[in-house]
């Protein structure tokens, strides 16, 4: 393969990556903890979009439990978002690890 073709392929992959990143921003992942007492929604860009807390999760005597439930739901949502991103990127790269693309 000559350098010209390689450059064209790299440009094509870059364009596809930009498109996937744009699409991922519109996809959401929902994660819960505490049997649904805390629900976190994150987008495909690994940003938290919303957090919903059931009134049952709020115990004035035990805020640490609520904090733990929030942390667990956020972490699960972000892990799921990262997995979604990896799946979408691997469709473009064919599973190859490309320098500069850290997932």
PDB file of N, CA and C in Angstrom:
ATOM      1  N   UNK A   1       0.848  -1.178   0.000  1.00  0.00           N
ATOM      2  CA  UNK A   1       0.000   0.000   0.000  1.00  0.00           C
ATOM      3  C   UNK A   1       0.891   1.237   0.000  1.00  0.00           C
ATOM      4  N   UNK A   2       0.570   2.175  -0.847  1.00  0.00           N
ATOM      5  CA  UNK A   2       1.404   3.377  -0.894  1.00  0.00           C
ATOM      6  C   UNK A   2       0.934   4.404   0.140  1.00  0.00           C
ATOM      7  N   UNK A   3       1.767   5.388   0.355  1.00  0.00           N
ATOM      8  CA  UNK A   3       1.512   6.413   1.376  1.00  0.00           C
ATOM      9  C   UNK A   3       0.219   7.175   1.086  1.00  0.00           C
ATOM     10  N   UNK A   4      -0.056   7.470  -0.156  1.00  0.00           N
ATOM     11  CA  UNK A   4      -1.276   8.193  -0.525  1.00  0.00           C
ATOM     12  C   UNK A   4      -2.525   7.444  -0.112  1.00  0.00           C
ATOM     13  N   UNK A   5      -2.540   6.137  -0.354  1.00  0.00           N
ATOM     14  CA  UNK A   5      -3.692   5.326   0.041  1.00  0.00           C
ATOM     15  C   UNK A   5      -3.829   5.249   1.560  1.00  0.00           C
ATOM     16  N   UNK A   6      -2.677   5.150   2.239  1.00  0.00           N
ATOM     17  CA  UNK A   6      -2.709   5.094   3.703  1.00  0.00           C
ATOM     18  C   UNK A   6      -3.277   6.378   4.278  1.00  0.00           C
ATOM     19  N   UNK A   7      -2.885   7.508   3.726  1.00  0.00           N
ATOM     20  CA  UNK A   7      -3.378   8.801   4.200  1.00  0.00           C
ATOM     21  C   UNK A   7      -4.887   8.892   3.984  1.00  0.00           C
ATOM     22  N   UNK A   8      -5.350   8.432   2.831  1.00  0.00           N
ATOM     23  CA  UNK A   8      -6.790   8.454   2.549  1.00  0.00           C
ATOM     24  C   UNK A   8      -7.545   7.566   3.536  1.00  0.00           C
ATOM     25  N   UNK A   9      -6.984   6.401   3.857  1.00  0.00           N
ATOM     26  CA  UNK A   9      -7.642   5.504   4.807  1.00  0.00           C
ATOM     27  C   UNK A   9      -7.691   6.123   6.204  1.00  0.00           C
ATOM     28  N   UNK A  10      -6.601   6.754   6.599  1.00  0.00           N
ATOM     29  CA  UNK A  10      -6.566   7.406   7.910  1.00  0.00           C
ATOM     30  C   UNK A  10      -7.600   8.522   7.962  1.00  0.00           C
ATOM     31  N   UNK A  11      -7.714   9.301   6.904  1.00  0.00           N
ATOM     32  CA  UNK A  11      -8.705  10.370   6.859  1.00  0.00           C
ATOM     33  C   UNK A  11     -10.118   9.806   6.939  1.00  0.00           C
ATOM     34  N   UNK A  12     -10.338   8.693   6.272  1.00  0.00           N
ATOM     35  CA  UNK A  12     -11.657   8.056   6.301  1.00  0.00           C
ATOM     36  C   UNK A  12     -11.987   7.586   7.717  1.00  0.00           C
ATOM     37  N   UNK A  13     -11.025   6.961   8.386  1.00  0.00           N
ATOM     38  CA  UNK A  13     -11.238   6.508   9.753  1.00  0.00           C
ATOM     39  C   UNK A  13     -11.499   7.697  10.668  1.00  0.00           C
ATOM     40  N   UNK A  14     -10.779   8.792  10.483  1.00  0.00           N
ATOM     41  CA  UNK A  14     -11.000   9.985  11.294  1.00  0.00           C
ATOM     42  C   UNK A  14     -12.413  10.524  11.099  1.00  0.00           C
ATOM     43  N   UNK A  15     -12.886  10.534   9.872  1.00  0.00           N
ATOM     44  CA  UNK A  15     -14.242  10.998   9.588  1.00  0.00           C
ATOM     45  C   UNK A  15     -15.268  10.080  10.242  1.00  0.00           C
ATOM     46  N   UNK A  16     -15.037   8.771  10.155  1.00  0.00           N
ATOM     47  CA  UNK A  16     -15.952   7.815  10.775  1.00  0.00           C
ATOM     48  C   UNK A  16     -15.953   7.966  12.297  1.00  0.00           C
ATOM     49  N   UNK A  17     -14.781   8.200  12.869  1.00  0.00           N
ATOM     50  CA  UNK A  17     -14.671   8.387  14.318  1.00  0.00           C
ATOM     51  C   UNK A  17     -15.453   9.618  14.753  1.00  0.00           C
ATOM     52  N   UNK A  18     -15.327  10.695  14.020  1.00  0.00           N
ATOM     53  CA  UNK A  18     -16.055  11.922  14.350  1.00  0.00           C
ATOM     54  C   UNK A  18     -17.558  11.678  14.301  1.00  0.00           C
ATOM     55  N   UNK A  19     -17.994  10.936  13.301  1.00  0.00           N
ATOM     56  CA  UNK A  19     -19.420  10.625  13.164  1.00  0.00           C
ATOM     57  C   UNK A  19     -19.896   9.771  14.337  1.00  0.00           C
ATOM     58  N   UNK A  20     -19.113   8.763  14.715  1.00  0.00           N
ATOM     59  CA  UNK A  20     -19.484   7.889  15.835  1.00  0.00           C
ATOM     60  C   UNK A  20     -19.557   8.696  17.124  1.00  0.00           C
ATOM     61  N   UNK A  21     -18.599   9.574  17.347  1.00  0.00           N
ATOM     62  CA  UNK A  21     -18.609  10.385  18.565  1.00  0.00           C
ATOM     63  C   UNK A  21     -19.847  11.265  18.618  1.00  0.00           C
ATOM     64  N   UNK A  22     -20.234  11.801  17.485  1.00  0.00           N
ATOM     65  CA  UNK A  22     -21.439  12.622  17.405  1.00  0.00           C
ATOM     66  C   UNK A  22     -22.677  11.774  17.727  1.00  0.00           C
ATOM     67  N   UNK A  23     -22.728  10.567  17.164  1.00  0.00           N
ATOM     68  CA  UNK A  23     -23.855   9.666  17.414  1.00  0.00           C
ATOM     69  C   UNK A  23     -23.900   9.227  18.876  1.00  0.00           C
ATOM     70  N   UNK A  24     -22.736   8.978  19.462  1.00  0.00           N
ATOM     71  CA  UNK A  24     -22.674   8.537  20.853  1.00  0.00           C
ATOM     72  C   UNK A  24     -23.234   9.594  21.805  1.00  0.00           C
ATOM     73  N   UNK A  25     -23.085  10.852  21.457  1.00  0.00           N
ATOM     74  CA  UNK A  25     -23.599  11.924  22.305  1.00  0.00           C
ATOM     75  C   UNK A  25     -25.112  11.825  22.445  1.00  0.00           C
ATOM     76  N   UNK A  26     -25.772  11.261  21.436  1.00  0.00           N
ATOM     77  CA  UNK A  26     -27.220  11.135  21.464  1.00  0.00           C
ATOM     78  C   UNK A  26     -27.722   9.840  22.075  1.00  0.00           C
ATOM     79  N   UNK A  27     -26.825   8.905  22.383  1.00  0.00           N
ATOM     80  CA  UNK A  27     -27.228   7.637  22.992  1.00  0.00           C
ATOM     81  C   UNK A  27     -27.098   7.735  24.505  1.00  0.00           C
ATOM     82  N   UNK A  28     -28.002   7.070  25.213  1.00  0.00           N
ATOM     83  CA  UNK A  28     -27.935   7.105  26.669  1.00  0.00           C
ATOM     84  C   UNK A  28     -27.898   5.706  27.252  1.00  0.00           C
ATOM     85  N   UNK A  29     -27.321   5.620  28.437  1.00  0.00           N
ATOM     86  CA  UNK A  29     -27.192   4.398  29.206  1.00  0.00           C
ATOM     87  C   UNK A  29     -27.829   4.678  30.565  1.00  0.00           C
ATOM     88  N   UNK A  30     -28.614   3.753  31.064  1.00  0.00           N
ATOM     89  CA  UNK A  30     -29.218   3.920  32.378  1.00  0.00           C
ATOM     90  C   UNK A  30     -28.676   2.852  33.313  1.00  0.00           C
ATOM     91  N   UNK A  31     -28.307   3.271  34.513  1.00  0.00           N
ATOM     92  CA  UNK A  31     -27.816   2.335  35.521  1.00  0.00           C
ATOM     93  C   UNK A  31     -28.508   2.642  36.840  1.00  0.00           C
ATOM     94  N   UNK A  32     -28.761   1.593  37.617  1.00  0.00           N
ATOM     95  CA  UNK A  32     -29.417   1.783  38.913  1.00  0.00           C
ATOM     96  C   UNK A  32     -28.609   1.116  40.014  1.00  0.00           C
ATOM     97  N   UNK A  33     -28.891   1.532  41.229  1.00  0.00           N
ATOM     98  CA  UNK A  33     -28.311   0.872  42.394  1.00  0.00           C
ATOM     99  C   UNK A  33     -29.361   0.868  43.496  1.00  0.00           C
ATOM    100  N   UNK A  34     -29.131   0.027  44.477  1.00  0.00           N
ATOM    101  CA  UNK A  34     -30.066  -0.054  45.596  1.00  0.00           C
ATOM    102  C   UNK A  34     -31.442  -0.532  45.179  1.00  0.00           C
ATOM    103  N   UNK A  35     -31.479  -1.441  44.216  1.00  0.00           N
ATOM    104  CA  UNK A  35     -32.769  -1.952  43.770  1.00  0.00           C
ATOM    105  C   UNK A  35     -33.621  -0.898  43.093  1.00  0.00           C
ATOM    106  N   UNK A  36     -32.967   0.073  42.461  1.00  0.00           N
ATOM    107  CA  UNK A  36     -33.693   1.115  41.744  1.00  0.00           C
ATOM    108  C   UNK A  36     -33.888   2.391  42.550  1.00  0.00           C
ATOM    109  N   UNK A  37     -33.298   2.450  43.747  1.00  0.00           N
ATOM    110  CA  UNK A  37     -33.457   3.668  44.552  1.00  0.00           C
ATOM    111  C   UNK A  37     -32.710   4.852  43.940  1.00  0.00           C
ATOM    112  N   UNK A  38     -31.618   4.566  43.217  1.00  0.00           N
ATOM    113  CA  UNK A  38     -30.873   5.613  42.525  1.00  0.00           C
ATOM    114  C   UNK A  38     -30.729   5.199  41.073  1.00  0.00           C
ATOM    115  N   UNK A  39     -31.086   6.102  40.168  1.00  0.00           N
ATOM    116  CA  UNK A  39     -30.965   5.855  38.734  1.00  0.00           C
ATOM    117  C   UNK A  39     -30.118   6.962  38.122  1.00  0.00           C
ATOM    118  N   UNK A  40     -29.117   6.559  37.358  1.00  0.00           N
ATOM    119  CA  UNK A  40     -28.237   7.514  36.688  1.00  0.00           C
ATOM    120  C   UNK A  40     -28.313   7.258  35.192  1.00  0.00           C
ATOM    121  N   UNK A  41     -28.440   8.337  34.437  1.00  0.00           N
ATOM    122  CA  UNK A  41     -28.425   8.256  32.980  1.00  0.00           C
ATOM    123  C   UNK A  41     -27.177   8.991  32.503  1.00  0.00           C
ATOM    124  N   UNK A  42     -26.393   8.295  31.665  1.00  0.00           N
ATOM    125  CA  UNK A  42     -25.189   8.887  31.074  1.00  0.00           C
ATOM    126  C   UNK A  42     -25.307   8.769  29.565  1.00  0.00           C
ATOM    127  N   UNK A  43     -24.614   9.665  28.866  1.00  0.00           N
ATOM    128  CA  UNK A  43     -24.624   9.563  27.405  1.00  0.00           C
ATOM    129  C   UNK A  43     -23.378   8.819  26.936  1.00  0.00           C
ATOM    130  N   UNK A  44     -23.309   8.599  25.639  1.00  0.00           N
ATOM    131  CA  UNK A  44     -22.194   7.862  25.060  1.00  0.00           C
ATOM    132  C   UNK A  44     -20.873   8.601  25.096  1.00  0.00           C
ATOM    133  N   UNK A  45     -20.896   9.849  25.540  1.00  0.00           N
ATOM    134  CA  UNK A  45     -19.655  10.614  25.694  1.00  0.00           C
ATOM    135  C   UNK A  45     -19.160  10.555  27.132  1.00  0.00           C
ATOM    136  N   UNK A  46     -19.751   9.653  27.901  1.00  0.00           N
ATOM    137  CA  UNK A  46     -19.395   9.446  29.299  1.00  0.00           C
ATOM    138  C   UNK A  46     -19.662  10.681  30.153  1.00  0.00           C
ATOM    139  N   UNK A  47     -20.796  11.322  29.886  1.00  0.00           N
ATOM    140  CA  UNK A  47     -21.248  12.453  30.685  1.00  0.00           C
ATOM    141  C   UNK A  47     -22.540  12.061  31.381  1.00  0.00           C
ATOM    142  N   UNK A  48     -22.658  12.393  32.658  1.00  0.00           N
ATOM    143  CA  UNK A  48     -23.885  12.116  33.398  1.00  0.00           C
ATOM    144  C   UNK A  48     -24.937  13.117  32.946  1.00  0.00           C
ATOM    145  N   UNK A  49     -26.075  12.598  32.512  1.00  0.00           N
ATOM    146  CA  UNK A  49     -27.163  13.431  31.998  1.00  0.00           C
ATOM    147  C   UNK A  49     -28.183  13.723  33.101  1.00  0.00           C
ATOM    148  N   UNK A  50     -28.480  12.704  33.915  1.00  0.00           N
ATOM    149  CA  UNK A  50     -29.439  12.925  35.003  1.00  0.00           C
ATOM    150  C   UNK A  50     -29.220  11.906  36.114  1.00  0.00           C
ATOM    151  N   UNK A  51     -29.677  12.300  37.298  1.00  0.00           N
ATOM    152  CA  UNK A  51     -29.668  11.423  38.467  1.00  0.00           C
ATOM    153  C   UNK A  51     -31.042  11.541  39.111  1.00  0.00           C
ATOM    154  N   UNK A  52     -31.673  10.386  39.347  1.00  0.00           N
ATOM    155  CA  UNK A  52     -32.966  10.364  40.031  1.00  0.00           C
ATOM    156  C   UNK A  52     -32.796   9.569  41.317  1.00  0.00           C
ATOM    157  N   UNK A  53     -33.322  10.132  42.401  1.00  0.00           N
ATOM    158  CA  UNK A  53     -33.200   9.505  43.708  1.00  0.00           C
ATOM    159  C   UNK A  53     -34.593   9.297  44.280  1.00  0.00           C
ATOM    160  N   UNK A  54     -34.896   8.073  44.625  1.00  0.00           N
ATOM    161  CA  UNK A  54     -36.175   7.748  45.250  1.00  0.00           C
ATOM    162  C   UNK A  54     -36.213   8.345  46.653  1.00  0.00           C
ATOM    163  N   UNK A  55     -37.352   8.864  47.065  1.00  0.00           N
ATOM    164  CA  UNK A  55     -37.457   9.370  48.443  1.00  0.00           C
ATOM    165  C   UNK A  55     -37.107   8.299  49.484  1.00  0.00           C
ATOM    166  N   UNK A  56     -37.311   7.035  49.132  1.00  0.00           N
ATOM    167  CA  UNK A  56     -36.974   5.944  50.051  1.00  0.00           C
ATOM    168  C   UNK A  56     -35.476   5.845  50.308  1.00  0.00           C
ATOM    169  N   UNK A  57     -34.669   6.395  49.417  1.00  0.00           N
ATOM    170  CA  UNK A  57     -33.217   6.313  49.556  1.00  0.00           C
ATOM    171  C   UNK A  57     -32.671   7.384  50.498  1.00  0.00           C
ATOM    172  N   UNK A  58     -33.515   8.339  50.855  1.00  0.00           N
ATOM    173  CA  UNK A  58     -33.056   9.456  51.684  1.00  0.00           C
ATOM    174  C   UNK A  58     -33.383   9.171  53.145  1.00  0.00           C
ATOM    175  N   UNK A  59     -32.356   8.846  53.880  1.00  0.00           N
ATOM    176  CA  UNK A  59     -32.475   8.608  55.318  1.00  0.00           C
ATOM    177  C   UNK A  59     -31.602   9.641  56.013  1.00  0.00           C
ATOM    178  N   UNK A  60     -32.220  10.609  56.700  1.00  0.00           N
ATOM    179  CA  UNK A  60     -31.426  11.661  57.356  1.00  0.00           C
ATOM    180  C   UNK A  60     -30.390  11.114  58.336  1.00  0.00           C
ATOM    181  N   UNK A  61     -30.602   9.897  58.795  1.00  0.00           N
ATOM    182  CA  UNK A  61     -29.660   9.291  59.737  1.00  0.00           C
ATOM    183  C   UNK A  61     -28.509   8.572  59.038  1.00  0.00           C
ATOM    184  N   UNK A  62     -28.622   8.380  57.714  1.00  0.00           N
ATOM    185  CA  UNK A  62     -27.605   7.584  57.006  1.00  0.00           C
ATOM    186  C   UNK A  62     -27.336   8.135  55.611  1.00  0.00           C
ATOM    187  N   UNK A  63     -26.723   9.312  55.546  1.00  0.00           N
ATOM    188  CA  UNK A  63     -26.388   9.902  54.251  1.00  0.00           C
ATOM    189  C   UNK A  63     -25.312   9.107  53.523  1.00  0.00           C
ATOM    190  N   UNK A  64     -24.472   8.407  54.266  1.00  0.00           N
ATOM    191  CA  UNK A  64     -23.396   7.654  53.611  1.00  0.00           C
ATOM    192  C   UNK A  64     -23.954   6.559  52.715  1.00  0.00           C
ATOM    193  N   UNK A  65     -25.102   5.966  53.084  1.00  0.00           N
ATOM    194  CA  UNK A  65     -25.708   4.957  52.230  1.00  0.00           C
ATOM    195  C   UNK A  65     -26.132   5.588  50.896  1.00  0.00           C
ATOM    196  N   UNK A  66     -26.750   6.758  50.958  1.00  0.00           N
ATOM    197  CA  UNK A  66     -27.176   7.452  49.742  1.00  0.00           C
ATOM    198  C   UNK A  66     -25.971   7.809  48.882  1.00  0.00           C
ATOM    199  N   UNK A  67     -24.919   8.284  49.496  1.00  0.00           N
ATOM    200  CA  UNK A  67     -23.697   8.607  48.756  1.00  0.00           C
ATOM    201  C   UNK A  67     -23.135   7.370  48.063  1.00  0.00           C
ATOM    202  N   UNK A  68     -23.136   6.246  48.752  1.00  0.00           N
ATOM    203  CA  UNK A  68     -22.652   4.993  48.162  1.00  0.00           C
ATOM    204  C   UNK A  68     -23.522   4.555  46.991  1.00  0.00           C
ATOM    205  N   UNK A  69     -24.849   4.689  47.139  1.00  0.00           N
ATOM    206  CA  UNK A  69     -25.762   4.316  46.052  1.00  0.00           C
ATOM    207  C   UNK A  69     -25.536   5.189  44.826  1.00  0.00           C
ATOM    208  N   UNK A  70     -25.336   6.484  45.038  1.00  0.00           N
ATOM    209  CA  UNK A  70     -25.095   7.405  43.914  1.00  0.00           C
ATOM    210  C   UNK A  70     -23.782   7.047  43.231  1.00  0.00           C
ATOM    211  N   UNK A  71     -22.741   6.850  44.018  1.00  0.00           N
ATOM    212  CA  UNK A  71     -21.435   6.508  43.436  1.00  0.00           C
ATOM    213  C   UNK A  71     -21.516   5.207  42.641  1.00  0.00           C
ATOM    214  N   UNK A  72     -22.200   4.206  43.176  1.00  0.00           N
ATOM    215  CA  UNK A  72     -22.317   2.918  42.480  1.00  0.00           C
ATOM    216  C   UNK A  72     -23.051   3.072  41.157  1.00  0.00           C
ATOM    217  N   UNK A  73     -24.152   3.825  41.160  1.00  0.00           N
ATOM    218  CA  UNK A  73     -24.927   4.003  39.929  1.00  0.00           C
ATOM    219  C   UNK A  73     -24.148   4.822  38.899  1.00  0.00           C
ATOM    220  N   UNK A  74     -23.462   5.857  39.343  1.00  0.00           N
ATOM    221  CA  UNK A  74     -22.664   6.681  38.415  1.00  0.00           C
ATOM    222  C   UNK A  74     -21.553   5.838  37.806  1.00  0.00           C
ATOM    223  N   UNK A  75     -20.853   5.101  38.633  1.00  0.00           N
ATOM    224  CA  UNK A  75     -19.753   4.271  38.110  1.00  0.00           C
ATOM    225  C   UNK A  75     -20.251   3.237  37.117  1.00  0.00           C
ATOM    226  N   UNK A  76     -21.384   2.610  37.403  1.00  0.00           N
ATOM    227  CA  UNK A  76     -21.926   1.619  36.471  1.00  0.00           C
ATOM    228  C   UNK A  76     -22.343   2.284  35.161  1.00  0.00           C
ATOM    229  N   UNK A  77     -22.966   3.444  35.241  1.00  0.00           N
ATOM    230  CA  UNK A  77     -23.380   4.148  34.022  1.00  0.00           C
ATOM    231  C   UNK A  77     -22.170   4.514  33.170  1.00  0.00           C
ATOM    232  N   UNK A  78     -21.107   4.983  33.811  1.00  0.00           N
ATOM    233  CA  UNK A  78     -19.909   5.365  33.053  1.00  0.00           C
ATOM    234  C   UNK A  78     -19.203   4.145  32.468  1.00  0.00           C
ATOM    235  N   UNK A  79     -19.182   3.025  33.205  1.00  0.00           N
ATOM    236  CA  UNK A  79     -18.592   1.791  32.651  1.00  0.00           C
ATOM    237  C   UNK A  79     -19.387   1.326  31.430  1.00  0.00           C
ATOM    238  N   UNK A  80     -20.699   1.379  31.529  1.00  0.00           N
ATOM    239  CA  UNK A  80     -21.548   0.967  30.399  1.00  0.00           C
ATOM    240  C   UNK A  80     -21.373   1.900  29.211  1.00  0.00           C
ATOM    241  N   UNK A  81     -21.232   3.193  29.483  1.00  0.00           N
ATOM    242  CA  UNK A  81     -21.007   4.168  28.419  1.00  0.00           C
ATOM    243  C   UNK A  81     -19.676   3.905  27.717  1.00  0.00           C
ATOM    244  N   UNK A  82     -18.657   3.598  28.501  1.00  0.00           N
ATOM    245  CA  UNK A  82     -17.340   3.304  27.921  1.00  0.00           C
ATOM    246  C   UNK A  82     -17.405   2.041  27.068  1.00  0.00           C
ATOM    247  N   UNK A  83     -18.126   1.030  27.542  1.00  0.00           N
ATOM    248  CA  UNK A  83     -18.267  -0.209  26.773  1.00  0.00           C
ATOM    249  C   UNK A  83     -18.990   0.058  25.456  1.00  0.00           C
ATOM    250  N   UNK A  84     -20.019   0.906  25.488  1.00  0.00           N
ATOM    251  CA  UNK A  84     -20.734   1.278  24.269  1.00  0.00           C
ATOM    252  C   UNK A  84     -19.779   1.959  23.293  1.00  0.00           C
ATOM    253  N   UNK A  85     -18.963   2.874  23.810  1.00  0.00           N
ATOM    254  CA  UNK A  85     -18.001   3.578  22.960  1.00  0.00           C
ATOM    255  C   UNK A  85     -17.006   2.594  22.355  1.00  0.00           C
ATOM    256  N   UNK A  86     -16.500   1.673  23.161  1.00  0.00           N
ATOM    257  CA  UNK A  86     -15.533   0.701  22.653  1.00  0.00           C
ATOM    258  C   UNK A  86     -16.150  -0.167  21.563  1.00  0.00           C
ATOM    259  N   UNK A  87     -17.395  -0.569  21.752  1.00  0.00           N
ATOM    260  CA  UNK A  87     -18.077  -1.381  20.741  1.00  0.00           C
ATOM    261  C   UNK A  87     -18.203  -0.623  19.421  1.00  0.00           C
ATOM    262  N   UNK A  88     -18.602   0.633  19.509  1.00  0.00           N
ATOM    263  CA  UNK A  88     -18.790   1.432  18.301  1.00  0.00           C
ATOM    264  C   UNK A  88     -17.460   1.698  17.592  1.00  0.00           C
ATOM    265  N   UNK A  89     -16.423   1.985  18.362  1.00  0.00           N
ATOM    266  CA  UNK A  89     -15.103   2.261  17.783  1.00  0.00           C
ATOM    267  C   UNK A  89     -14.530   0.993  17.152  1.00  0.00           C
ATOM    268  N   UNK A  90     -14.730  -0.164  17.799  1.00  0.00           N
ATOM    269  CA  UNK A  90     -14.174  -1.399  17.245  1.00  0.00           C
ATOM    270  C   UNK A  90     -14.832  -1.769  15.919  1.00  0.00           C
ATOM    271  N   UNK A  91     -16.059  -1.302  15.704  1.00  0.00           N
ATOM    272  CA  UNK A  91     -16.706  -1.531  14.407  1.00  0.00           C
ATOM    273  C   UNK A  91     -15.938  -0.818  13.291  1.00  0.00           C
ATOM    274  N   UNK A  92     -15.375   0.332  13.619  1.00  0.00           N
ATOM    275  CA  UNK A  92     -14.624   1.112  12.628  1.00  0.00           C
ATOM    276  C   UNK A  92     -13.221   0.554  12.451  1.00  0.00           C
ATOM    277  N   UNK A  93     -12.577   0.253  13.568  1.00  0.00           N
ATOM    278  CA  UNK A  93     -11.168  -0.145  13.521  1.00  0.00           C
ATOM    279  C   UNK A  93     -10.980  -1.639  13.325  1.00  0.00           C
ATOM    280  N   UNK A  94     -12.058  -2.389  13.353  1.00  0.00           N
ATOM    281  CA  UNK A  94     -11.945  -3.837  13.215  1.00  0.00           C
ATOM    282  C   UNK A  94     -11.244  -4.471  14.392  1.00  0.00           C
ATOM    283  N   UNK A  95     -11.302  -3.807  15.553  1.00  0.00           N
ATOM    284  CA  UNK A  95     -10.677  -4.338  16.759  1.00  0.00           C
ATOM    285  C   UNK A  95      -9.206  -4.000  16.892  1.00  0.00           C
ATOM    286  N   UNK A  96      -8.642  -3.316  15.905  1.00  0.00           N
ATOM    287  CA  UNK A  96      -7.226  -2.950  15.978  1.00  0.00           C
ATOM    288  C   UNK A  96      -7.018  -1.828  16.985  1.00  0.00           C
ATOM    289  N   UNK A  97      -5.927  -1.897  17.711  1.00  0.00           N
ATOM    290  CA  UNK A  97      -5.550  -0.818  18.629  1.00  0.00           C
ATOM    291  C   UNK A  97      -4.781   0.222  17.833  1.00  0.00           C
ATOM    292  N   UNK A  98      -5.344   1.401  17.713  1.00  0.00           N
ATOM    293  CA  UNK A  98      -4.716   2.464  16.929  1.00  0.00           C
ATOM    294  C   UNK A  98      -4.110   3.473  17.881  1.00  0.00           C
ATOM    295  N   UNK A  99      -2.812   3.785  17.720  1.00  0.00           N
ATOM    296  CA  UNK A  99      -2.182   4.777  18.587  1.00  0.00           C
ATOM    297  C   UNK A  99      -2.942   6.107  18.535  1.00  0.00           C
ATOM    298  N   UNK A 100      -3.103   6.699  19.708  1.00  0.00           N
ATOM    299  CA  UNK A 100      -3.809   7.975  19.789  1.00  0.00           C
ATOM    300  C   UNK A 100      -5.288   7.821  20.057  1.00  0.00           C
ATOM    301  N   UNK A 101      -5.808   6.589  20.003  1.00  0.00           N
ATOM    302  CA  UNK A 101      -7.212   6.342  20.326  1.00  0.00           C
ATOM    303  C   UNK A 101      -7.225   5.542  21.608  1.00  0.00           C
ATOM    304  N   UNK A 102      -7.383   6.268  22.703  1.00  0.00           N
ATOM    305  CA  UNK A 102      -7.365   5.631  24.020  1.00  0.00           C
ATOM    306  C   UNK A 102      -8.783   5.428  24.504  1.00  0.00           C
ATOM    307  N   UNK A 103      -9.151   4.185  24.723  1.00  0.00           N
ATOM    308  CA  UNK A 103     -10.479   3.880  25.238  1.00  0.00           C
ATOM    309  C   UNK A 103     -10.375   3.232  26.581  1.00  0.00           C
TER     310      UNK A 103
END
